[in-house]
Amino acid sequence: GHRNNVDGYASALSFFDRKLSEICAKLRPDDVLIITADHGCDPTVEGTDHTREKVPVLIYSKRLCAKDLGEIFGFDYVAKIVKEHLTD
């Protein structure tokens, strides 16, 4: 995103998407995978600064049921999930 390389950005996302199923398959039943970012960068917007305030959050575990988390405000939600998992 920072480099304004739309093709490279799309290629990296596609590569990650292909590898994600491999990563999930290696998780143990009690593992939790959390994927997020600290900011967003749209590769189609002029300039190289951060361009989006919202970032995706994906939380996966074989023990969790799929659900839409809605809009989350702050990283404290992610910290709460980590704390619950580590003290469970």
C-alpha atoms as a PDB file:
ATOM      1  CA  GLY A   1       0.000   0.000   0.000  1.00  0.00           C
ATOM      2  CA  HIS A   2       2.748   2.466   0.908  1.00  0.00           C
ATOM      3  CA  ARG A   3       4.372   1.980  -2.500  1.00  0.00           C
ATOM      4  CA  ASN A   4       1.160   2.582  -4.494  1.00  0.00           C
ATOM      5  CA  ASN A   5       1.761  -0.739  -6.250  1.00  0.00           C
ATOM      6  CA  VAL A   6      -1.749  -2.061  -6.868  1.00  0.00           C
ATOM      7  CA  ASP A   7      -0.569  -5.220  -8.644  1.00  0.00           C
ATOM      8  CA  GLY A   8       2.013  -5.978  -5.967  1.00  0.00           C
ATOM      9  CA  TYR A   9      -0.552  -5.320  -3.226  1.00  0.00           C
ATOM     10  CA  ALA A  10      -3.061  -7.659  -4.883  1.00  0.00           C
ATOM     11  CA  SER A  11      -0.387 -10.301  -5.425  1.00  0.00           C
ATOM     12  CA  ALA A  12       0.679 -10.177  -1.769  1.00  0.00           C
ATOM     13  CA  LEU A  13      -2.951 -10.491  -0.615  1.00  0.00           C
ATOM     14  CA  SER A  14      -3.514 -13.449  -2.945  1.00  0.00           C
ATOM     15  CA  PHE A  15      -0.365 -15.160  -1.668  1.00  0.00           C
ATOM     16  CA  PHE A  16      -1.451 -14.610   1.929  1.00  0.00           C
ATOM     17  CA  ASP A  17      -4.959 -15.918   1.175  1.00  0.00           C
ATOM     18  CA  ARG A  18      -3.478 -19.115  -0.259  1.00  0.00           C
ATOM     19  CA  LYS A  19      -1.218 -19.616   2.774  1.00  0.00           C
ATOM     20  CA  LEU A  20      -3.919 -18.841   5.346  1.00  0.00           C
ATOM     21  CA  SER A  21      -5.603 -22.229   4.941  1.00  0.00           C
ATOM     22  CA  GLU A  22      -2.224 -23.906   5.523  1.00  0.00           C
ATOM     23  CA  ILE A  23      -1.682 -21.862   8.675  1.00  0.00           C
ATOM     24  CA  CYS A  24      -5.172 -22.650  10.001  1.00  0.00           C
ATOM     25  CA  ALA A  25      -4.702 -26.362   9.311  1.00  0.00           C
ATOM     26  CA  LYS A  26      -1.617 -26.382  11.560  1.00  0.00           C
ATOM     27  CA  LEU A  27      -3.376 -24.766  14.509  1.00  0.00           C
ATOM     28  CA  ARG A  28      -4.059 -26.978  17.498  1.00  0.00           C
ATOM     29  CA  PRO A  29      -7.602 -27.079  18.899  1.00  0.00           C
ATOM     30  CA  ASP A  30      -6.729 -24.653  21.696  1.00  0.00           C
ATOM     31  CA  ASP A  31      -4.754 -22.161  19.529  1.00  0.00           C
ATOM     32  CA  VAL A  32      -6.103 -18.730  18.612  1.00  0.00           C
ATOM     33  CA  LEU A  33      -4.988 -16.867  15.493  1.00  0.00           C
ATOM     34  CA  ILE A  34      -5.449 -13.096  15.441  1.00  0.00           C
ATOM     35  CA  ILE A  35      -4.678 -11.104  12.312  1.00  0.00           C
ATOM     36  CA  THR A  36      -4.958  -7.338  12.265  1.00  0.00           C
ATOM     37  CA  ALA A  37      -2.952  -4.214  11.454  1.00  0.00           C
ATOM     38  CA  ASP A  38      -2.122  -0.906  13.071  1.00  0.00           C
ATOM     39  CA  HIS A  39      -3.297   1.124  10.069  1.00  0.00           C
ATOM     40  CA  GLY A  40      -4.429   0.825   6.486  1.00  0.00           C
ATOM     41  CA  CYS A  41      -2.862   1.969   3.227  1.00  0.00           C
ATOM     42  CA  ASP A  42      -4.933   2.080   0.072  1.00  0.00           C
ATOM     43  CA  PRO A  43      -2.576   1.525  -2.882  1.00  0.00           C
ATOM     44  CA  THR A  44      -4.948   3.385  -5.223  1.00  0.00           C
ATOM     45  CA  VAL A  45      -4.820   6.695  -3.313  1.00  0.00           C
ATOM     46  CA  GLU A  46      -2.216   9.278  -4.277  1.00  0.00           C
ATOM     47  CA  GLY A  47       0.579   9.593  -1.740  1.00  0.00           C
ATOM     48  CA  THR A  48       2.187   7.048   0.554  1.00  0.00           C
ATOM     49  CA  ASP A  49       0.684   7.986   3.913  1.00  0.00           C
ATOM     50  CA  HIS A  50      -1.868   5.987   5.862  1.00  0.00           C
ATOM     51  CA  THR A  51      -5.173   6.342   4.067  1.00  0.00           C
ATOM     52  CA  ARG A  52      -7.727   4.381   6.069  1.00  0.00           C
ATOM     53  CA  GLU A  53      -8.630   4.547   9.727  1.00  0.00           C
ATOM     54  CA  LYS A  54     -10.352   1.166   9.857  1.00  0.00           C
ATOM     55  CA  VAL A  55      -8.429  -2.105   9.664  1.00  0.00           C
ATOM     56  CA  PRO A  56      -9.646  -5.689   9.488  1.00  0.00           C
ATOM     57  CA  VAL A  57      -9.526  -7.986  12.493  1.00  0.00           C
ATOM     58  CA  LEU A  58      -9.713 -11.728  11.968  1.00  0.00           C
ATOM     59  CA  ILE A  59      -9.878 -13.980  15.020  1.00  0.00           C
ATOM     60  CA  TYR A  60      -9.835 -17.707  14.340  1.00  0.00           C
ATOM     61  CA  SER A  61      -9.869 -20.769  16.536  1.00  0.00           C
ATOM     62  CA  LYS A  62     -11.204 -24.249  15.971  1.00  0.00           C
ATOM     63  CA  ARG A  63     -13.206 -23.699  19.194  1.00  0.00           C
ATOM     64  CA  LEU A  64     -14.916 -20.493  18.037  1.00  0.00           C
ATOM     65  CA  CYS A  65     -18.102 -20.221  16.008  1.00  0.00           C
ATOM     66  CA  ALA A  66     -18.080 -17.855  13.049  1.00  0.00           C
ATOM     67  CA  LYS A  67     -19.653 -14.465  13.703  1.00  0.00           C
ATOM     68  CA  ASP A  68     -19.447 -10.885  12.547  1.00  0.00           C
ATOM     69  CA  LEU A  69     -17.725  -8.856  15.257  1.00  0.00           C
ATOM     70  CA  GLY A  70     -19.127  -5.634  13.876  1.00  0.00           C
ATOM     71  CA  GLU A  71     -17.111  -2.461  14.256  1.00  0.00           C
ATOM     72  CA  ILE A  72     -14.518  -2.643  17.017  1.00  0.00           C
ATOM     73  CA  PHE A  73     -13.117   0.502  18.575  1.00  0.00           C
ATOM     74  CA  GLY A  74      -9.578   0.142  19.862  1.00  0.00           C
ATOM     75  CA  PHE A  75      -7.030  -2.610  20.277  1.00  0.00           C
ATOM     76  CA  ASP A  76      -8.220  -3.280  23.817  1.00  0.00           C
ATOM     77  CA  TYR A  77     -10.716  -5.761  22.330  1.00  0.00           C
ATOM     78  CA  VAL A  78      -7.855  -7.789  20.862  1.00  0.00           C
ATOM     79  CA  ALA A  79      -5.948  -7.552  24.144  1.00  0.00           C
ATOM     80  CA  LYS A  80      -9.023  -8.888  25.968  1.00  0.00           C
ATOM     81  CA  ILE A  81      -9.177 -11.908  23.626  1.00  0.00           C
ATOM     82  CA  VAL A  82      -5.466 -12.627  24.192  1.00  0.00           C
ATOM     83  CA  LYS A  83      -5.836 -12.299  27.965  1.00  0.00           C
ATOM     84  CA  GLU A  84      -8.871 -14.596  28.031  1.00  0.00           C
ATOM     85  CA  HIS A  85      -7.046 -17.190  25.961  1.00  0.00           C
ATOM     86  CA  LEU A  86      -3.906 -17.115  28.088  1.00  0.00           C
ATOM     87  CA  THR A  87      -5.790 -17.311  31.383  1.00  0.00           C
ATOM     88  CA  ASP A  88      -8.355 -19.874  30.203  1.00  0.00           C
END
